[in-house]
Amino acid sequence: MGKHKKVMEKILRGTSDANIGFDDIRGMLLYLGFDERIRGSHHVYRKEGIEEKINMQRAGSKAKPYQVRQVRDVLLKYHLAGE
């Protein structure tokens, strides 16, 4: 199983939102075709056909838990998990 799939499964499981690496979630979003714009500490992700924009900031080397929940909501709403 690829790294991006493992990160996606971890996000969808929802049991460790505070332990997902920022670089892991960033790589997964780029793999899924999101465009990234960086403004200071904010990383903003957009994708055509996706209404929401995902705004993320680092919390050390991890992603912030509430932002992981936002990513999970987008993955589920737009069926980006492949199922």
PDB file of N, CA and C in Angstrom:
ATOM      1  N   MET A   1       0.855  -1.186   0.000  1.00  0.00           N
ATOM      2  CA  MET A   1       0.000   0.000   0.000  1.00  0.00           C
ATOM      3  C   MET A   1       0.896   1.244   0.000  1.00  0.00           C
ATOM      4  N   GLY A   2       0.539   2.245  -0.809  1.00  0.00           N
ATOM      5  CA  GLY A   2       1.331   3.458  -0.916  1.00  0.00           C
ATOM      6  C   GLY A   2       1.201   4.354   0.302  1.00  0.00           C
ATOM      7  N   LYS A   3       2.176   5.229   0.441  1.00  0.00           N
ATOM      8  CA  LYS A   3       2.209   6.133   1.596  1.00  0.00           C
ATOM      9  C   LYS A   3       0.967   7.027   1.648  1.00  0.00           C
ATOM     10  N   HIS A   4       0.534   7.526   0.492  1.00  0.00           N
ATOM     11  CA  HIS A   4      -0.620   8.425   0.468  1.00  0.00           C
ATOM     12  C   HIS A   4      -1.886   7.704   0.912  1.00  0.00           C
ATOM     13  N   LYS A   5      -2.021   6.440   0.527  1.00  0.00           N
ATOM     14  CA  LYS A   5      -3.183   5.645   0.945  1.00  0.00           C
ATOM     15  C   LYS A   5      -3.170   5.428   2.459  1.00  0.00           C
ATOM     16  N   LYS A   6      -1.980   5.179   3.019  1.00  0.00           N
ATOM     17  CA  LYS A   6      -1.868   4.971   4.463  1.00  0.00           C
ATOM     18  C   LYS A   6      -2.255   6.232   5.222  1.00  0.00           C
ATOM     19  N   VAL A   7      -1.803   7.381   4.735  1.00  0.00           N
ATOM     20  CA  VAL A   7      -2.151   8.655   5.379  1.00  0.00           C
ATOM     21  C   VAL A   7      -3.656   8.877   5.278  1.00  0.00           C
ATOM     22  N   MET A   8      -4.227   8.598   4.104  1.00  0.00           N
ATOM     23  CA  MET A   8      -5.665   8.784   3.910  1.00  0.00           C
ATOM     24  C   MET A   8      -6.455   7.884   4.865  1.00  0.00           C
ATOM     25  N   GLU A   9      -6.038   6.636   5.008  1.00  0.00           N
ATOM     26  CA  GLU A   9      -6.724   5.718   5.916  1.00  0.00           C
ATOM     27  C   GLU A   9      -6.646   6.213   7.359  1.00  0.00           C
ATOM     28  N   LYS A  10      -5.496   6.733   7.744  1.00  0.00           N
ATOM     29  CA  LYS A  10      -5.315   7.258   9.099  1.00  0.00           C
ATOM     30  C   LYS A  10      -6.237   8.452   9.345  1.00  0.00           C
ATOM     31  N   ILE A  11      -6.365   9.309   8.338  1.00  0.00           N
ATOM     32  CA  ILE A  11      -7.256  10.472   8.451  1.00  0.00           C
ATOM     33  C   ILE A  11      -8.712  10.009   8.534  1.00  0.00           C
ATOM     34  N   LEU A  12      -9.098   9.094   7.676  1.00  0.00           N
ATOM     35  CA  LEU A  12     -10.488   8.636   7.637  1.00  0.00           C
ATOM     36  C   LEU A  12     -10.871   7.860   8.894  1.00  0.00           C
ATOM     37  N   ARG A  13      -9.908   7.166   9.499  1.00  0.00           N
ATOM     38  CA  ARG A  13     -10.177   6.421  10.730  1.00  0.00           C
ATOM     39  C   ARG A  13     -10.559   7.376  11.855  1.00  0.00           C
ATOM     40  N   GLY A  14      -9.914   8.536  11.900  1.00  0.00           N
ATOM     41  CA  GLY A  14     -10.274   9.573  12.865  1.00  0.00           C
ATOM     42  C   GLY A  14      -9.879   9.295  14.295  1.00  0.00           C
ATOM     43  N   THR A  15      -8.972   8.358  14.512  1.00  0.00           N
ATOM     44  CA  THR A  15      -8.590   8.022  15.882  1.00  0.00           C
ATOM     45  C   THR A  15      -7.330   8.740  16.345  1.00  0.00           C
ATOM     46  N   SER A  16      -6.607   9.376  15.415  1.00  0.00           N
ATOM     47  CA  SER A  16      -5.354  10.031  15.809  1.00  0.00           C
ATOM     48  C   SER A  16      -5.160  11.348  15.069  1.00  0.00           C
ATOM     49  N   ASP A  17      -6.155  12.221  15.131  1.00  0.00           N
ATOM     50  CA  ASP A  17      -6.071  13.497  14.417  1.00  0.00           C
ATOM     51  C   ASP A  17      -4.871  14.340  14.846  1.00  0.00           C
ATOM     52  N   ALA A  18      -4.440  14.204  16.093  1.00  0.00           N
ATOM     53  CA  ALA A  18      -3.329  15.009  16.599  1.00  0.00           C
ATOM     54  C   ALA A  18      -1.973  14.431  16.198  1.00  0.00           C
ATOM     55  N   ASN A  19      -1.945  13.250  15.590  1.00  0.00           N
ATOM     56  CA  ASN A  19      -0.671  12.602  15.262  1.00  0.00           C
ATOM     57  C   ASN A  19      -0.453  12.416  13.774  1.00  0.00           C
ATOM     58  N   ILE A  20      -0.986  13.299  12.967  1.00  0.00           N
ATOM     59  CA  ILE A  20      -0.785  13.199  11.518  1.00  0.00           C
ATOM     60  C   ILE A  20       0.215  14.271  11.106  1.00  0.00           C
ATOM     61  N   GLY A  21       1.272  13.832  10.476  1.00  0.00           N
ATOM     62  CA  GLY A  21       2.339  14.754  10.076  1.00  0.00           C
ATOM     63  C   GLY A  21       1.861  15.755   9.035  1.00  0.00           C
ATOM     64  N   PHE A  22       2.294  16.996   9.193  1.00  0.00           N
ATOM     65  CA  PHE A  22       1.913  18.044   8.241  1.00  0.00           C
ATOM     66  C   PHE A  22       2.391  17.688   6.837  1.00  0.00           C
ATOM     67  N   ASP A  23       3.646  17.246   6.729  1.00  0.00           N
ATOM     68  CA  ASP A  23       4.192  16.916   5.409  1.00  0.00           C
ATOM     69  C   ASP A  23       3.464  15.728   4.785  1.00  0.00           C
ATOM     70  N   ASP A  24       2.988  14.797   5.619  1.00  0.00           N
ATOM     71  CA  ASP A  24       2.235  13.647   5.100  1.00  0.00           C
ATOM     72  C   ASP A  24       0.907  14.093   4.498  1.00  0.00           C
ATOM     73  N   ILE A  25       0.188  14.942   5.223  1.00  0.00           N
ATOM     74  CA  ILE A  25      -1.119  15.387   4.736  1.00  0.00           C
ATOM     75  C   ILE A  25      -0.948  16.316   3.525  1.00  0.00           C
ATOM     76  N   ARG A  26       0.105  17.108   3.537  1.00  0.00           N
ATOM     77  CA  ARG A  26       0.412  17.985   2.397  1.00  0.00           C
ATOM     78  C   ARG A  26       0.680  17.151   1.151  1.00  0.00           C
ATOM     79  N   GLY A  27       1.513  16.124   1.288  1.00  0.00           N
ATOM     80  CA  GLY A  27       1.829  15.253   0.159  1.00  0.00           C
ATOM     81  C   GLY A  27       0.595  14.548  -0.380  1.00  0.00           C
ATOM     82  N   MET A  28      -0.286  14.113   0.521  1.00  0.00           N
ATOM     83  CA  MET A  28      -1.501  13.434   0.103  1.00  0.00           C
ATOM     84  C   MET A  28      -2.403  14.381  -0.692  1.00  0.00           C
ATOM     85  N   LEU A  29      -2.551  15.628  -0.214  1.00  0.00           N
ATOM     86  CA  LEU A  29      -3.394  16.599  -0.923  1.00  0.00           C
ATOM     87  C   LEU A  29      -2.830  16.899  -2.311  1.00  0.00           C
ATOM     88  N   LEU A  30      -1.513  17.055  -2.408  1.00  0.00           N
ATOM     89  CA  LEU A  30      -0.898  17.303  -3.715  1.00  0.00           C
ATOM     90  C   LEU A  30      -1.077  16.089  -4.627  1.00  0.00           C
ATOM     91  N   TYR A  31      -0.958  14.894  -4.079  1.00  0.00           N
ATOM     92  CA  TYR A  31      -1.162  13.655  -4.840  1.00  0.00           C
ATOM     93  C   TYR A  31      -2.588  13.579  -5.380  1.00  0.00           C
ATOM     94  N   LEU A  32      -3.556  14.074  -4.603  1.00  0.00           N
ATOM     95  CA  LEU A  32      -4.956  14.052  -5.023  1.00  0.00           C
ATOM     96  C   LEU A  32      -5.283  15.147  -6.041  1.00  0.00           C
ATOM     97  N   GLY A  33      -4.306  16.001  -6.363  1.00  0.00           N
ATOM     98  CA  GLY A  33      -4.514  16.997  -7.403  1.00  0.00           C
ATOM     99  C   GLY A  33      -4.861  18.389  -6.908  1.00  0.00           C
ATOM    100  N   PHE A  34      -4.697  18.634  -5.616  1.00  0.00           N
ATOM    101  CA  PHE A  34      -4.956  19.965  -5.083  1.00  0.00           C
ATOM    102  C   PHE A  34      -3.808  20.893  -5.450  1.00  0.00           C
ATOM    103  N   ASP A  35      -4.125  22.157  -5.705  1.00  0.00           N
ATOM    104  CA  ASP A  35      -3.118  23.185  -5.929  1.00  0.00           C
ATOM    105  C   ASP A  35      -2.802  23.827  -4.596  1.00  0.00           C
ATOM    106  N   GLU A  36      -1.530  24.128  -4.379  1.00  0.00           N
ATOM    107  CA  GLU A  36      -1.099  24.711  -3.101  1.00  0.00           C
ATOM    108  C   GLU A  36      -0.642  26.151  -3.310  1.00  0.00           C
ATOM    109  N   ARG A  37      -1.098  27.013  -2.419  1.00  0.00           N
ATOM    110  CA  ARG A  37      -0.616  28.393  -2.370  1.00  0.00           C
ATOM    111  C   ARG A  37      -0.132  28.636  -0.944  1.00  0.00           C
ATOM    112  N   ILE A  38       1.058  29.183  -0.816  1.00  0.00           N
ATOM    113  CA  ILE A  38       1.620  29.432   0.514  1.00  0.00           C
ATOM    114  C   ILE A  38       1.707  30.931   0.725  1.00  0.00           C
ATOM    115  N   ARG A  39       1.098  31.382   1.820  1.00  0.00           N
ATOM    116  CA  ARG A  39       1.153  32.787   2.223  1.00  0.00           C
ATOM    117  C   ARG A  39       1.602  32.823   3.671  1.00  0.00           C
ATOM    118  N   GLY A  40       2.851  33.129   3.902  1.00  0.00           N
ATOM    119  CA  GLY A  40       3.369  33.120   5.263  1.00  0.00           C
ATOM    120  C   GLY A  40       3.342  31.710   5.811  1.00  0.00           C
ATOM    121  N   SER A  41       2.645  31.502   6.926  1.00  0.00           N
ATOM    122  CA  SER A  41       2.559  30.168   7.522  1.00  0.00           C
ATOM    123  C   SER A  41       1.328  29.400   7.047  1.00  0.00           C
ATOM    124  N   HIS A  42       0.511  30.023   6.223  1.00  0.00           N
ATOM    125  CA  HIS A  42      -0.723  29.386   5.754  1.00  0.00           C
ATOM    126  C   HIS A  42      -0.486  28.662   4.430  1.00  0.00           C
ATOM    127  N   HIS A  43      -0.910  27.418   4.390  1.00  0.00           N
ATOM    128  CA  HIS A  43      -0.881  26.624   3.171  1.00  0.00           C
ATOM    129  C   HIS A  43      -2.335  26.436   2.764  1.00  0.00           C
ATOM    130  N   VAL A  44      -2.705  26.974   1.603  1.00  0.00           N
ATOM    131  CA  VAL A  44      -4.093  26.928   1.149  1.00  0.00           C
ATOM    132  C   VAL A  44      -4.172  25.997  -0.056  1.00  0.00           C
ATOM    133  N   TYR A  45      -5.111  25.047   0.015  1.00  0.00           N
ATOM    134  CA  TYR A  45      -5.266  24.040  -1.030  1.00  0.00           C
ATOM    135  C   TYR A  45      -6.620  24.210  -1.699  1.00  0.00           C
ATOM    136  N   ARG A  46      -6.603  24.215  -3.035  1.00  0.00           N
ATOM    137  CA  ARG A  46      -7.831  24.327  -3.834  1.00  0.00           C
ATOM    138  C   ARG A  46      -7.780  23.265  -4.914  1.00  0.00           C
ATOM    139  N   LYS A  47      -8.970  22.853  -5.329  1.00  0.00           N
ATOM    140  CA  LYS A  47      -9.066  21.908  -6.437  1.00  0.00           C
ATOM    141  C   LYS A  47     -10.346  22.204  -7.188  1.00  0.00           C
ATOM    142  N   GLU A  48     -10.257  22.158  -8.501  1.00  0.00           N
ATOM    143  CA  GLU A  48     -11.434  22.407  -9.325  1.00  0.00           C
ATOM    144  C   GLU A  48     -12.506  21.371  -8.999  1.00  0.00           C
ATOM    145  N   GLY A  49     -13.729  21.849  -8.849  1.00  0.00           N
ATOM    146  CA  GLY A  49     -14.833  20.970  -8.519  1.00  0.00           C
ATOM    147  C   GLY A  49     -15.058  20.808  -7.019  1.00  0.00           C
ATOM    148  N   ILE A  50     -14.153  21.356  -6.219  1.00  0.00           N
ATOM    149  CA  ILE A  50     -14.267  21.290  -4.754  1.00  0.00           C
ATOM    150  C   ILE A  50     -14.586  22.704  -4.271  1.00  0.00           C
ATOM    151  N   GLU A  51     -15.725  22.853  -3.653  1.00  0.00           N
ATOM    152  CA  GLU A  51     -16.191  24.160  -3.194  1.00  0.00           C
ATOM    153  C   GLU A  51     -15.294  24.746  -2.099  1.00  0.00           C
ATOM    154  N   GLU A  52     -14.955  23.910  -1.131  1.00  0.00           N
ATOM    155  CA  GLU A  52     -14.199  24.372   0.024  1.00  0.00           C
ATOM    156  C   GLU A  52     -12.728  24.554  -0.316  1.00  0.00           C
ATOM    157  N   LYS A  53     -12.100  25.495   0.379  1.00  0.00           N
ATOM    158  CA  LYS A  53     -10.647  25.566   0.308  1.00  0.00           C
ATOM    159  C   LYS A  53     -10.132  25.068   1.658  1.00  0.00           C
ATOM    160  N   ILE A  54      -9.008  24.398   1.618  1.00  0.00           N
ATOM    161  CA  ILE A  54      -8.416  23.848   2.825  1.00  0.00           C
ATOM    162  C   ILE A  54      -7.263  24.751   3.221  1.00  0.00           C
ATOM    163  N   ASN A  55      -7.332  25.293   4.415  1.00  0.00           N
ATOM    164  CA  ASN A  55      -6.312  26.195   4.939  1.00  0.00           C
ATOM    165  C   ASN A  55      -5.620  25.474   6.091  1.00  0.00           C
ATOM    166  N   MET A  56      -4.308  25.278   5.973  1.00  0.00           N
ATOM    167  CA  MET A  56      -3.580  24.538   7.004  1.00  0.00           C
ATOM    168  C   MET A  56      -2.371  25.313   7.486  1.00  0.00           C
ATOM    169  N   GLN A  57      -2.033  25.073   8.749  1.00  0.00           N
ATOM    170  CA  GLN A  57      -0.816  25.619   9.356  1.00  0.00           C
ATOM    171  C   GLN A  57      -0.146  24.501  10.124  1.00  0.00           C
ATOM    172  N   ARG A  58       1.168  24.602  10.242  1.00  0.00           N
ATOM    173  CA  ARG A  58       1.917  23.610  11.013  1.00  0.00           C
ATOM    174  C   ARG A  58       1.690  23.806  12.511  1.00  0.00           C
ATOM    175  N   ALA A  59       1.728  22.701  13.229  1.00  0.00           N
ATOM    176  CA  ALA A  59       1.798  22.720  14.696  1.00  0.00           C
ATOM    177  C   ALA A  59       3.029  21.888  15.016  1.00  0.00           C
ATOM    178  N   GLY A  60       4.203  22.501  14.880  1.00  0.00           N
ATOM    179  CA  GLY A  60       5.450  21.745  14.938  1.00  0.00           C
ATOM    180  C   GLY A  60       5.565  20.955  13.643  1.00  0.00           C
ATOM    181  N   SER A  61       5.727  19.646  13.754  1.00  0.00           N
ATOM    182  CA  SER A  61       5.809  18.806  12.556  1.00  0.00           C
ATOM    183  C   SER A  61       4.461  18.177  12.221  1.00  0.00           C
ATOM    184  N   LYS A  62       3.457  18.440  13.037  1.00  0.00           N
ATOM    185  CA  LYS A  62       2.130  17.839  12.860  1.00  0.00           C
ATOM    186  C   LYS A  62       1.145  18.850  12.270  1.00  0.00           C
ATOM    187  N   ALA A  63       0.052  18.316  11.727  1.00  0.00           N
ATOM    188  CA  ALA A  63      -1.066  19.158  11.299  1.00  0.00           C
ATOM    189  C   ALA A  63      -1.961  19.382  12.509  1.00  0.00           C
ATOM    190  N   LYS A  64      -2.634  20.507  12.544  1.00  0.00           N
ATOM    191  CA  LYS A  64      -3.543  20.786  13.658  1.00  0.00           C
ATOM    192  C   LYS A  64      -4.760  19.866  13.569  1.00  0.00           C
ATOM    193  N   PRO A  65      -5.198  19.313  14.707  1.00  0.00           N
ATOM    194  CA  PRO A  65      -6.300  18.330  14.692  1.00  0.00           C
ATOM    195  C   PRO A  65      -7.580  18.837  14.030  1.00  0.00           C
ATOM    196  N   TYR A  66      -7.967  20.092  14.256  1.00  0.00           N
ATOM    197  CA  TYR A  66      -9.211  20.575  13.652  1.00  0.00           C
ATOM    198  C   TYR A  66      -9.067  20.680  12.136  1.00  0.00           C
ATOM    199  N   GLN A  67      -7.861  20.915  11.659  1.00  0.00           N
ATOM    200  CA  GLN A  67      -7.647  20.975  10.220  1.00  0.00           C
ATOM    201  C   GLN A  67      -7.667  19.580   9.601  1.00  0.00           C
ATOM    202  N   VAL A  68      -7.204  18.582  10.348  1.00  0.00           N
ATOM    203  CA  VAL A  68      -7.300  17.200   9.886  1.00  0.00           C
ATOM    204  C   VAL A  68      -8.773  16.814   9.746  1.00  0.00           C
ATOM    205  N   ARG A  69      -9.607  17.243  10.683  1.00  0.00           N
ATOM    206  CA  ARG A  69     -11.048  16.969  10.601  1.00  0.00           C
ATOM    207  C   ARG A  69     -11.647  17.636   9.361  1.00  0.00           C
ATOM    208  N   GLN A  70     -11.196  18.847   9.044  1.00  0.00           N
ATOM    209  CA  GLN A  70     -11.690  19.531   7.842  1.00  0.00           C
ATOM    210  C   GLN A  70     -11.304  18.762   6.579  1.00  0.00           C
ATOM    211  N   VAL A  71     -10.077  18.259   6.536  1.00  0.00           N
ATOM    212  CA  VAL A  71      -9.629  17.468   5.385  1.00  0.00           C
ATOM    213  C   VAL A  71     -10.476  16.207   5.277  1.00  0.00           C
ATOM    214  N   ARG A  72     -10.736  15.535   6.404  1.00  0.00           N
ATOM    215  CA  ARG A  72     -11.564  14.323   6.408  1.00  0.00           C
ATOM    216  C   ARG A  72     -12.954  14.621   5.855  1.00  0.00           C
ATOM    217  N   ASP A  73     -13.535  15.742   6.273  1.00  0.00           N
ATOM    218  CA  ASP A  73     -14.861  16.122   5.784  1.00  0.00           C
ATOM    219  C   ASP A  73     -14.868  16.304   4.268  1.00  0.00           C
ATOM    220  N   VAL A  74     -13.828  16.936   3.720  1.00  0.00           N
ATOM    221  CA  VAL A  74     -13.738  17.141   2.274  1.00  0.00           C
ATOM    222  C   VAL A  74     -13.556  15.802   1.560  1.00  0.00           C
ATOM    223  N   LEU A  75     -12.691  14.936   2.096  1.00  0.00           N
ATOM    224  CA  LEU A  75     -12.471  13.620   1.485  1.00  0.00           C
ATOM    225  C   LEU A  75     -13.777  12.830   1.403  1.00  0.00           C
ATOM    226  N   LEU A  76     -14.552  12.879   2.479  1.00  0.00           N
ATOM    227  CA  LEU A  76     -15.793  12.129   2.508  1.00  0.00           C
ATOM    228  C   LEU A  76     -16.877  12.771   1.626  1.00  0.00           C
ATOM    229  N   LYS A  77     -17.001  14.095   1.697  1.00  0.00           N
ATOM    230  CA  LYS A  77     -18.041  14.792   0.947  1.00  0.00           C
ATOM    231  C   LYS A  77     -17.892  14.597  -0.559  1.00  0.00           C
ATOM    232  N   TYR A  78     -16.653  14.627  -1.035  1.00  0.00           N
ATOM    233  CA  TYR A  78     -16.392  14.549  -2.479  1.00  0.00           C
ATOM    234  C   TYR A  78     -15.907  13.176  -2.933  1.00  0.00           C
ATOM    235  N   HIS A  79     -15.985  12.189  -2.042  1.00  0.00           N
ATOM    236  CA  HIS A  79     -15.627  10.804  -2.355  1.00  0.00           C
ATOM    237  C   HIS A  79     -14.211  10.709  -2.960  1.00  0.00           C
ATOM    238  N   LEU A  80     -13.268  11.384  -2.331  1.00  0.00           N
ATOM    239  CA  LEU A  80     -11.892  11.384  -2.818  1.00  0.00           C
ATOM    240  C   LEU A  80     -11.091  10.205  -2.290  1.00  0.00           C
ATOM    241  N   ALA A  81     -11.691   9.406  -1.421  1.00  0.00           N
ATOM    242  CA  ALA A  81     -10.978   8.270  -0.832  1.00  0.00           C
ATOM    243  C   ALA A  81     -10.996   7.060  -1.754  1.00  0.00           C
ATOM    244  N   GLY A  82     -11.669   7.157  -2.870  1.00  0.00           N
ATOM    245  CA  GLY A  82     -11.673   6.062  -3.830  1.00  0.00           C
ATOM    246  C   GLY A  82     -12.853   5.106  -3.681  1.00  0.00           C
ATOM    247  N   GLU A  83     -13.666   5.272  -2.659  1.00  0.00           N
ATOM    248  CA  GLU A  83     -14.844   4.415  -2.477  1.00  0.00           C
ATOM    249  C   GLU A  83     -16.089   5.237  -2.464  1.00  0.00           C
TER     250      GLU A  83
END
